Amino acid sequence: MKGIILAAGYGTRLKELGINTPKPLLLIAGKPVIEYIIDRIDNLVDEIVVVTNDKFYNEFLEWKNKHSNKKITLINDGSTCNENRLGGVGDMHFAVNKLNIQEDVLIIAGDNLFEFDISKILTWPGSSIGVIDLKDPAKLSKKFGTILLDENNKIINFEEKPKNPKSALAATLIYYLKKDDVDFLKTFNSKEDAGLFIISLCERTEVYGTVFNDTWIDIGSPEQYEEANKLFSQKK
């Protein structure tokens, strides 16, 4: 199985923090965000593919050359700024097609910090996505994709950032795709967003939600970065 880390964003919401440093290479408690992700998936995959952009390619190359993990493959999606970025699905599409991946994949956004056992996402008979229970639906309003699950944890409804969420289950960009669904990704419109990809995938096959209650932080703003830094510094 391949692991794909999406690290080609431009961190515009991070303001000054993201101008010269890509989010996955920002330090949290003295360690790059991406290395927390690698620690969680390293024993599950035989190769870790990091998708970056042309602007930050050299920064990632320098990081990779210093890293002892020989499983890491770095690929450049060719984009140069936020205006011509490929987006989440675009980079997923780019990676599986460029490397002609023909096996299961574990895909994770490079700005996700989490402490749960990611292997749980691999236990379903079909593809699965990571889901966080925020306990209160109001916390999801206009911020996260919202999931409804049946008694077997199969996704029966997915709404992208609804105003009035039907549940407190937030979708993350942590995807486990079976080989057949990787083939579907190769043909999917790469300009669509990640939420629509999951909606389309649910329409063609059974997709499951793996609910986690442990620490998960999507680093999208300076405030979230400071929150993560404080939390992980205390744990350290």
Protein backbone atom coordinates (compact mmCIF):
# COMPACT_ATOMS: atom_id res chain seq x y z
CA MET A 1 0.00 0.00 0.00
CA LYS A 2 1.15 3.52 -0.81
CA GLY A 3 0.84 6.53 1.46
CA ILE A 4 0.22 9.93 -0.14
CA ILE A 5 0.73 13.14 1.82
CA LEU A 6 -0.78 16.21 0.16
CA ALA A 7 1.68 19.03 0.76
CA ALA A 8 1.19 21.35 -2.22
CA GLY A 9 -0.91 24.09 -0.59
CA TYR A 10 0.18 27.70 -0.23
CA GLY A 11 -0.94 28.39 3.34
CA THR A 12 -2.59 31.70 2.51
CA ARG A 13 -4.73 31.66 5.66
CA LEU A 14 -1.58 31.38 7.76
CA LYS A 15 -0.54 34.86 6.58
CA GLU A 16 3.14 35.58 7.43
CA LEU A 17 3.68 32.05 8.74
CA GLY A 18 3.00 30.54 5.33
CA ILE A 19 4.83 32.97 3.07
CA ASN A 20 8.22 31.26 3.07
CA THR A 21 7.47 27.95 4.76
CA PRO A 22 4.90 25.35 3.61
CA LYS A 23 2.48 24.24 6.32
CA PRO A 24 3.75 20.63 6.48
CA LEU A 25 7.25 21.91 7.29
CA LEU A 26 6.15 24.29 10.05
CA LEU A 27 7.55 23.23 13.40
CA ILE A 28 5.21 21.99 16.10
CA ALA A 29 7.05 21.50 19.39
CA GLY A 30 10.30 21.56 17.38
CA LYS A 31 9.22 18.96 14.79
CA PRO A 32 7.78 19.47 11.27
CA VAL A 33 4.08 18.69 10.96
CA ILE A 34 4.74 16.19 8.18
CA GLU A 35 6.96 14.08 10.43
CA TYR A 36 4.10 13.55 12.88
CA ILE A 37 2.08 12.17 9.97
CA ILE A 38 4.94 9.95 8.80
CA ASP A 39 5.35 8.54 12.31
CA ARG A 40 1.68 7.49 12.23
CA ILE A 41 1.71 5.76 8.83
CA ASP A 42 5.28 4.53 8.39
CA ASN A 43 4.57 0.96 9.49
CA LEU A 44 1.46 0.71 7.31
CA VAL A 45 2.85 1.62 3.87
CA ASP A 46 5.78 0.57 1.71
CA GLU A 47 6.24 4.02 0.13
CA ILE A 48 5.38 7.56 1.23
CA VAL A 49 4.65 9.92 -1.66
CA VAL A 50 4.82 13.62 -0.78
CA VAL A 51 3.11 15.89 -3.32
CA THR A 52 4.47 19.42 -3.25
CA ASN A 53 4.40 22.42 -5.59
CA ASP A 54 7.07 24.20 -7.58
CA LYS A 55 7.33 27.13 -5.15
CA PHE A 56 8.29 24.97 -2.17
CA TYR A 57 9.86 22.00 -3.96
CA ASN A 58 13.43 22.91 -2.94
CA GLU A 59 12.41 23.30 0.72
CA PHE A 60 10.91 19.81 0.68
CA LEU A 61 13.92 18.43 -1.20
CA GLU A 62 16.25 19.83 1.47
CA TRP A 63 14.05 18.31 4.19
CA LYS A 64 13.93 14.93 2.39
CA ASN A 65 17.71 14.83 1.96
CA LYS A 66 18.12 15.27 5.71
CA HIS A 67 15.52 12.65 6.56
CA SER A 68 16.63 9.09 7.26
CA ASN A 69 13.43 7.48 5.94
CA LYS A 70 14.23 5.93 2.56
CA LYS A 71 10.57 5.28 1.74
CA ILE A 72 9.90 8.94 0.86
CA THR A 73 9.27 9.88 -2.79
CA LEU A 74 8.87 13.59 -3.57
CA ILE A 75 6.88 14.77 -6.60
CA ASN A 76 6.27 18.30 -7.88
CA ASP A 77 2.77 19.14 -9.16
CA GLY A 78 4.14 22.11 -11.16
CA SER A 79 1.92 24.79 -9.64
CA THR A 80 3.54 28.08 -8.64
CA CYS A 81 0.95 30.03 -6.65
CA ASN A 82 -2.44 29.78 -4.97
CA GLU A 83 -4.18 30.88 -8.16
CA ASN A 84 -2.96 27.93 -10.26
CA ARG A 85 -2.82 25.27 -7.53
CA LEU A 86 -4.28 21.87 -8.38
CA GLY A 87 -6.25 21.51 -5.15
CA GLY A 88 -6.78 18.42 -3.00
CA VAL A 89 -8.40 16.19 -5.61
CA GLY A 90 -6.10 17.58 -8.29
CA ASP A 91 -3.03 16.50 -6.35
CA MET A 92 -4.52 13.11 -5.48
CA HIS A 93 -5.33 12.65 -9.18
CA PHE A 94 -1.84 13.85 -10.17
CA ALA A 95 -0.06 11.44 -7.80
CA VAL A 96 -1.94 8.24 -8.69
CA ASN A 97 -1.65 8.94 -12.41
CA LYS A 98 1.98 10.11 -12.46
CA LEU A 99 3.13 7.08 -10.50
CA ASN A 100 0.55 4.75 -12.10
CA ILE A 101 -0.47 3.48 -8.68
CA GLN A 102 -2.41 0.23 -8.93
CA GLU A 103 -2.93 -0.68 -5.30
CA ASP A 104 -4.64 0.58 -2.15
CA VAL A 105 -3.62 4.06 -0.99
CA LEU A 106 -3.76 5.99 2.27
CA ILE A 107 -4.12 9.72 1.55
CA ILE A 108 -3.62 12.42 4.20
CA ALA A 109 -3.61 16.21 3.97
CA GLY A 110 -0.22 17.49 5.07
CA ASP A 111 -1.66 19.97 7.56
CA ASN A 112 -3.46 17.34 9.67
CA LEU A 113 -2.08 16.72 13.15
CA PHE A 114 -3.60 13.71 14.87
CA GLU A 115 -2.85 11.19 17.59
CA PHE A 116 -5.26 8.37 16.81
CA ASP A 117 -4.39 4.89 15.59
CA ILE A 118 -4.70 5.32 11.84
CA SER A 119 -4.66 1.56 11.26
CA LYS A 120 -8.34 1.46 12.28
CA ILE A 121 -9.23 3.05 8.96
CA LEU A 122 -8.00 -0.08 7.16
CA THR A 123 -10.42 -2.51 8.81
CA TRP A 124 -13.53 -1.99 6.64
CA PRO A 125 -14.60 -4.08 3.61
CA GLY A 126 -14.48 -0.95 1.43
CA SER A 127 -12.82 2.45 1.27
CA SER A 128 -13.04 4.60 4.37
CA ILE A 129 -12.46 8.18 5.49
CA GLY A 130 -11.39 9.51 8.86
CA VAL A 131 -14.22 11.16 10.79
CA ILE A 132 -13.97 13.31 13.93
CA ASP A 133 -16.83 13.49 16.40
CA LEU A 134 -17.00 17.17 17.42
CA LYS A 135 -19.94 16.39 19.75
CA ASP A 136 -21.80 19.58 18.79
CA PRO A 137 -23.19 20.06 15.24
CA ALA A 138 -22.85 23.84 15.62
CA LYS A 139 -19.07 23.45 15.54
CA LEU A 140 -19.30 22.14 11.96
CA SER A 141 -21.46 24.93 10.51
CA LYS A 142 -19.91 26.15 7.24
CA LYS A 143 -16.51 24.77 8.31
CA PHE A 144 -16.39 21.01 7.68
CA GLY A 145 -17.96 18.35 5.53
CA THR A 146 -20.63 16.61 7.59
CA ILE A 147 -21.14 12.85 7.67
CA LEU A 148 -24.10 10.64 8.53
CA LEU A 149 -23.36 6.96 9.21
CA ASP A 150 -25.65 3.95 9.48
CA GLU A 151 -25.36 1.26 12.16
CA ASN A 152 -22.55 -0.41 10.17
CA ASN A 153 -20.54 2.81 9.84
CA LYS A 154 -21.37 3.11 6.15
CA ILE A 155 -21.68 6.70 4.93
CA ILE A 156 -25.32 7.41 4.05
CA ASN A 157 -25.03 11.18 3.69
CA PHE A 158 -22.21 13.65 3.05
CA GLU A 159 -22.70 17.41 2.90
CA GLU A 160 -19.90 19.84 2.14
CA LYS A 161 -19.81 22.62 4.79
CA PRO A 162 -23.58 22.86 5.37
CA LYS A 163 -25.11 25.81 7.22
CA ASN A 164 -27.20 23.47 9.37
CA PRO A 165 -25.26 20.21 9.90
CA LYS A 166 -27.28 17.04 10.43
CA SER A 167 -24.70 15.49 12.75
CA ALA A 168 -21.57 16.33 14.75
CA LEU A 169 -19.36 14.07 12.59
CA ALA A 170 -16.77 16.04 10.63
CA ALA A 171 -15.03 14.61 7.56
CA THR A 172 -11.25 14.86 7.46
CA LEU A 173 -8.97 14.58 4.46
CA ILE A 174 -7.72 11.22 5.66
CA TYR A 175 -8.78 8.68 3.04
CA TYR A 176 -8.16 4.99 2.64
CA LEU A 177 -8.99 4.04 -0.95
CA LYS A 178 -9.21 0.47 -2.17
CA LYS A 179 -7.57 -0.30 -5.51
CA ASP A 180 -10.86 -0.13 -7.48
CA ASP A 181 -11.57 3.30 -6.02
CA VAL A 182 -8.05 4.45 -6.89
CA ASP A 183 -8.94 3.53 -10.48
CA PHE A 184 -12.07 5.70 -10.14
CA LEU A 185 -9.94 8.59 -8.81
CA LYS A 186 -7.76 8.36 -11.93
CA THR A 187 -10.80 9.20 -14.09
CA PHE A 188 -12.48 11.69 -11.75
CA ASN A 189 -12.57 15.38 -12.70
CA SER A 190 -9.44 16.66 -10.98
CA LYS A 191 -10.82 20.20 -10.66
CA GLU A 192 -13.60 19.17 -8.29
CA ASP A 193 -13.20 19.45 -4.52
CA ALA A 194 -12.51 16.60 -2.12
CA GLY A 195 -16.04 16.61 -0.73
CA LEU A 196 -17.58 16.05 -4.15
CA PHE A 197 -15.15 13.21 -4.80
CA ILE A 198 -16.36 11.43 -1.66
CA ILE A 199 -20.00 12.12 -2.57
CA SER A 200 -19.42 10.64 -6.04
CA LEU A 201 -17.57 7.67 -4.55
CA CYS A 202 -20.49 6.98 -2.18
CA GLU A 203 -22.87 6.97 -5.15
CA ARG A 204 -20.95 4.17 -6.87
CA THR A 205 -19.89 1.98 -3.95
CA GLU A 206 -20.00 1.54 -0.18
CA VAL A 207 -17.74 3.95 1.71
CA TYR A 208 -17.25 3.81 5.46
CA GLY A 209 -16.49 6.35 8.15
CA THR A 210 -13.89 5.59 10.81
CA VAL A 211 -14.79 7.70 13.84
CA PHE A 212 -11.97 9.00 16.01
CA ASN A 213 -12.19 10.90 19.27
CA ASP A 214 -8.49 11.55 19.86
CA THR A 215 -6.59 14.76 19.13
CA TRP A 216 -7.01 16.12 15.61
CA ILE A 217 -6.05 19.63 14.48
CA ASP A 218 -6.41 20.99 10.96
CA ILE A 219 -3.79 23.74 10.86
CA GLY A 220 -5.49 26.40 8.78
CA SER A 221 -4.88 29.64 10.67
CA PRO A 222 -2.26 31.25 12.94
CA GLU A 223 -4.57 30.59 15.89
CA GLN A 224 -4.79 26.86 15.09
CA TYR A 225 -1.02 26.75 14.65
CA GLU A 226 -0.49 28.31 18.08
CA GLU A 227 -3.04 25.93 19.60
CA ALA A 228 -1.23 22.93 18.13
CA ASN A 229 2.18 24.20 19.19
CA LYS A 230 1.00 24.76 22.74
CA LEU A 231 -0.74 21.38 23.00
CA PHE A 232 2.12 19.31 21.60
CA SER A 233 4.73 21.26 23.57
CA GLN A 234 2.87 20.37 26.76
CA LYS A 235 2.70 16.71 25.72
CA LYS A 236 6.40 16.70 24.89
